[in-house]
Amino acid sequence: MYSHILFDFFGTLVDYDAGRTSQGYPRAHAELGGLGATVSYAEFLQGWDGAFAAFDRDSDADDHEFSMAQVGTAYLTEVLGRVPAAGEVDAFTRAYLAEWSAGVRYPDGVVPLVRSLSRVYRLAVVTNTHQPDLVPGHLAAMGIADLMDVVITSVEVGHRKPHPAIYTATVEALGIEPSAAVFVGDTYLADFVGPEKFGMTAFLIDPARRADVPEARRLASVLDLPARISPDEVA
């Protein structure tokens, strides 16, 4: 019935801390000091979180996506009192992302699941992210990058889920009709409502049963997916 499975990434294939400043970021703070900023560690966390929040509020109107380079440039301009060079922005944002990524966890069972599904279906990742190489890097670390036909990121498309542009970019890249794809993720609007409106069949990871979705489309985790779509084909 279906030829493709499209995965959300964060919260679906990996566990993560959604907070942007809830972990330790000494390296990123040190990068600031090296650029001449005099903000304390607490001031850095508050200011960096505020910079992200401002960009998020602006994006909420139309689901356009912003990049780490954009938010990094805005924040560094504020704390340095000058426009930073591109290399300075890159060094700071990569230091931050390296520390943020330390909170990304690869759950047991996900890699074998993806390998099993790849024997029956074509696979892709469709993810909201501010950095183009972040998710591909994690997929490579997990050893499953080669199993994905495409990795579609919101920052490269210019719009985040649930904007239809990101689903359009996905089916065009894969050369399929929406009805050929299953979409699985953990966010109601982005990973269920958006794909369903676009013509895909969506499954929502919702162990707490918070969303109003059909029971047949509700998953406790991504590991439940095979039994819902092809119990006789995937083992």
Protein backbone atom coordinates (compact mmCIF):
# COMPACT_ATOMS: atom_id res chain seq x y z
CA MET A 1 0.00 0.00 0.00
CA TYR A 2 2.79 2.40 0.91
CA SER A 3 6.20 2.64 -0.70
CA HIS A 4 7.85 5.28 1.52
CA ILE A 5 8.16 6.09 5.20
CA LEU A 6 8.98 9.67 6.18
CA PHE A 7 10.38 10.18 9.67
CA ASP A 8 10.47 13.25 11.82
CA PHE A 9 13.84 13.23 13.59
CA PHE A 10 13.92 14.89 17.02
CA GLY A 11 11.57 13.09 19.39
CA THR A 12 10.99 10.33 16.84
CA LEU A 13 14.27 8.67 15.88
CA VAL A 14 16.19 10.27 18.75
CA ASP A 15 15.41 11.57 22.22
CA TYR A 16 16.53 15.08 23.08
CA ASP A 17 16.16 18.01 25.46
CA ALA A 18 14.01 20.59 23.70
CA GLY A 19 15.35 23.42 25.86
CA ARG A 20 17.90 25.64 24.17
CA THR A 21 19.77 26.63 27.33
CA SER A 22 18.91 23.85 29.79
CA GLN A 23 22.28 22.10 29.41
CA GLY A 24 25.82 23.26 30.05
CA TYR A 25 27.45 25.49 27.42
CA PRO A 26 30.89 26.47 28.75
CA ARG A 27 32.55 26.13 25.34
CA ALA A 28 30.04 28.44 23.66
CA HIS A 29 30.46 30.96 26.49
CA ALA A 30 34.22 30.75 26.11
CA GLU A 31 33.86 31.48 22.39
CA LEU A 32 32.00 34.65 23.33
CA GLY A 33 34.82 35.70 25.62
CA GLY A 34 37.33 35.04 22.87
CA LEU A 35 35.41 37.41 20.62
CA GLY A 36 35.52 40.14 23.24
CA ALA A 37 32.10 39.78 24.87
CA THR A 38 31.99 40.50 28.60
CA VAL A 39 28.67 38.87 29.43
CA SER A 40 28.49 36.47 32.36
CA TYR A 41 27.48 32.86 31.84
CA ALA A 42 23.98 33.57 33.22
CA GLU A 43 23.66 36.61 30.97
CA PHE A 44 24.74 34.53 27.99
CA LEU A 45 22.06 31.90 28.63
CA GLN A 46 19.35 34.51 29.10
CA GLY A 47 20.36 36.54 26.07
CA TRP A 48 20.81 33.55 23.76
CA ASP A 49 17.43 32.13 24.77
CA GLY A 50 15.86 35.54 24.20
CA ALA A 51 17.40 35.85 20.75
CA PHE A 52 15.91 32.49 19.74
CA ALA A 53 12.52 33.44 21.20
CA ALA A 54 12.41 36.62 19.13
CA PHE A 55 13.10 34.70 15.92
CA ASP A 56 10.50 32.09 16.88
CA ARG A 57 7.83 34.73 17.41
CA ASP A 58 8.55 36.18 14.00
CA SER A 59 8.35 32.73 12.40
CA ASP A 60 5.06 31.84 14.05
CA ALA A 61 3.12 34.04 11.61
CA ASP A 62 3.91 32.00 8.49
CA ASP A 63 6.16 29.09 9.55
CA HIS A 64 9.19 30.48 7.74
CA GLU A 65 12.43 29.04 9.06
CA PHE A 66 15.54 30.83 10.28
CA SER A 67 19.09 29.58 10.43
CA MET A 68 21.63 29.29 13.20
CA ALA A 69 23.71 31.80 11.27
CA GLN A 70 20.88 34.33 11.39
CA VAL A 71 20.18 34.04 15.10
CA GLY A 72 23.89 33.82 15.84
CA THR A 73 24.59 37.01 13.89
CA ALA A 74 21.78 38.86 15.66
CA TYR A 75 22.93 37.77 19.10
CA LEU A 76 26.63 38.44 18.53
CA THR A 77 25.86 41.87 17.07
CA GLU A 78 24.04 42.71 20.29
CA VAL A 79 26.66 41.49 22.74
CA LEU A 80 29.73 42.58 20.76
CA GLY A 81 28.40 45.95 19.67
CA ARG A 82 29.52 45.27 16.12
CA VAL A 83 28.59 43.07 13.17
CA PRO A 84 30.52 39.80 13.52
CA ALA A 85 32.40 38.15 10.69
CA ALA A 86 30.87 35.02 9.19
CA GLY A 87 33.70 32.91 10.62
CA GLU A 88 33.04 34.25 14.11
CA VAL A 89 29.36 33.36 13.83
CA ASP A 90 30.19 29.89 12.57
CA ALA A 91 32.68 29.20 15.38
CA PHE A 92 30.22 30.32 18.05
CA THR A 93 27.19 28.47 16.68
CA ARG A 94 29.16 25.26 16.12
CA ALA A 95 30.46 25.38 19.69
CA TYR A 96 26.89 25.77 20.90
CA LEU A 97 25.55 22.97 18.69
CA ALA A 98 28.29 20.57 19.78
CA GLU A 99 27.25 21.07 23.39
CA TRP A 100 23.53 20.97 22.61
CA SER A 101 24.01 17.74 20.69
CA ALA A 102 25.47 16.10 23.77
CA GLY A 103 21.87 15.91 25.00
CA VAL A 104 20.69 13.98 21.93
CA ARG A 105 20.24 10.31 22.77
CA TYR A 106 19.90 7.35 20.41
CA PRO A 107 17.25 5.01 21.88
CA ASP A 108 17.78 1.28 21.89
CA GLY A 109 15.99 -0.45 19.05
CA VAL A 110 15.73 2.48 16.64
CA VAL A 111 18.70 1.56 14.43
CA PRO A 112 17.57 -2.08 14.01
CA LEU A 113 14.05 -0.81 13.30
CA VAL A 114 15.24 1.52 10.55
CA ARG A 115 17.40 -1.19 9.01
CA SER A 116 14.46 -3.61 9.03
CA LEU A 117 12.09 -1.08 7.46
CA SER A 118 14.66 -0.22 4.78
CA ARG A 119 14.36 -3.75 3.42
CA VAL A 120 10.72 -3.11 2.50
CA TYR A 121 10.32 0.68 2.15
CA ARG A 122 12.19 3.70 0.87
CA LEU A 123 12.99 5.98 3.80
CA ALA A 124 13.45 9.70 4.33
CA VAL A 125 13.78 12.19 7.18
CA VAL A 126 11.76 15.42 7.19
CA THR A 127 12.83 17.64 10.05
CA ASN A 128 12.57 21.12 11.47
CA THR A 129 16.09 22.35 12.20
CA HIS A 130 18.11 25.56 12.02
CA GLN A 131 21.34 23.91 10.85
CA PRO A 132 21.52 21.97 7.55
CA ASP A 133 24.21 19.48 8.62
CA LEU A 134 22.96 18.79 12.16
CA VAL A 135 20.55 15.93 11.42
CA PRO A 136 22.71 14.33 8.69
CA GLY A 137 25.53 14.31 11.21
CA HIS A 138 23.45 12.45 13.76
CA LEU A 139 22.19 9.99 11.15
CA ALA A 140 25.80 9.26 10.21
CA ALA A 141 26.72 8.76 13.87
CA MET A 142 23.83 6.31 14.19
CA GLY A 143 25.02 4.43 11.11
CA ILE A 144 21.80 4.88 9.15
CA ALA A 145 22.51 7.87 6.92
CA ASP A 146 22.93 5.59 3.91
CA LEU A 147 19.43 4.19 4.44
CA MET A 148 17.73 7.54 3.82
CA ASP A 149 16.87 8.49 0.25
CA VAL A 150 16.73 12.15 1.26
CA VAL A 151 16.98 14.33 4.36
CA ILE A 152 14.71 17.35 4.00
CA THR A 153 15.40 20.19 6.44
CA SER A 154 13.22 23.19 7.14
CA VAL A 155 16.18 25.57 7.01
CA GLU A 156 16.99 24.50 3.45
CA VAL A 157 13.36 24.60 2.32
CA GLY A 158 12.76 27.94 4.00
CA HIS A 159 9.63 26.84 5.86
CA ARG A 160 9.10 24.55 8.81
CA LYS A 161 6.46 21.89 9.33
CA PRO A 162 3.45 22.16 9.15
CA HIS A 163 3.89 24.54 6.19
CA PRO A 164 3.00 22.60 3.00
CA ALA A 165 6.23 23.71 1.30
CA ILE A 166 8.29 21.22 3.27
CA TYR A 167 6.03 18.30 2.35
CA THR A 168 5.99 19.46 -1.27
CA ALA A 169 9.79 19.54 -1.32
CA THR A 170 9.86 16.02 0.10
CA VAL A 171 7.54 14.33 -2.39
CA GLU A 172 9.19 16.17 -5.27
CA ALA A 173 12.64 15.04 -4.13
CA LEU A 174 11.40 11.46 -3.86
CA GLY A 175 9.32 11.56 -7.06
CA ILE A 176 6.19 10.19 -5.38
CA GLU A 177 2.58 11.12 -4.73
CA PRO A 178 1.68 12.00 -1.12
CA SER A 179 -0.58 8.95 -0.89
CA ALA A 180 2.46 6.69 -1.29
CA ALA A 181 3.97 7.86 2.00
CA VAL A 182 3.54 7.20 5.68
CA PHE A 183 4.62 10.05 7.95
CA VAL A 184 5.57 9.39 11.57
CA GLY A 185 6.49 11.94 14.21
CA ASP A 186 5.78 13.21 17.70
CA THR A 187 4.28 16.68 17.13
CA TYR A 188 0.55 16.94 16.42
CA LEU A 189 0.44 19.86 13.97
CA ALA A 190 3.81 19.29 12.29
CA ASP A 191 3.78 15.52 12.04
CA PHE A 192 0.10 14.58 11.95
CA VAL A 193 -2.20 17.42 10.87
CA GLY A 194 0.20 18.80 8.26
CA PRO A 195 0.96 15.49 6.54
CA GLU A 196 -2.68 14.38 6.66
CA LYS A 197 -3.85 17.62 5.01
CA PHE A 198 -1.19 17.07 2.37
CA GLY A 199 -2.54 13.62 1.55
CA MET A 200 -0.21 11.38 3.52
CA THR A 201 -1.10 8.78 6.13
CA ALA A 202 0.26 9.98 9.45
CA PHE A 203 1.07 8.21 12.72
CA LEU A 204 1.63 10.22 15.89
CA ILE A 205 3.88 9.21 18.76
CA ASP A 206 1.61 10.11 21.66
CA PRO A 207 2.06 7.76 24.62
CA ALA A 208 0.27 10.18 26.99
CA ARG A 209 -2.75 10.23 24.67
CA ARG A 210 -2.92 14.02 24.58
CA ALA A 211 -3.85 14.43 20.90
CA ASP A 212 -7.18 13.78 19.25
CA VAL A 213 -6.09 11.18 16.71
CA PRO A 214 -7.58 7.81 15.75
CA GLU A 215 -6.33 5.04 18.01
CA ALA A 216 -5.00 3.12 15.03
CA ARG A 217 -2.72 6.07 14.27
CA ARG A 218 -1.41 6.57 17.81
CA LEU A 219 1.99 5.08 18.74
CA ALA A 220 3.71 4.67 22.09
CA SER A 221 7.02 5.00 20.23
CA VAL A 222 8.37 4.69 16.72
CA LEU A 223 9.05 1.04 17.52
CA ASP A 224 5.29 0.40 17.25
CA LEU A 225 5.18 1.43 13.59
CA PRO A 226 5.89 -1.89 11.82
CA ALA A 227 2.93 -3.66 13.41
CA ARG A 228 0.62 -0.89 12.21
CA ILE A 229 1.68 -0.77 8.58
CA SER A 230 3.06 -4.16 7.58
CA PRO A 231 3.00 -6.78 10.33
CA ASP A 232 3.77 -9.58 7.89
CA GLU A 233 6.55 -7.87 5.96
CA VAL A 234 8.81 -6.32 8.57
CA ALA A 235 10.58 -8.39 11.19
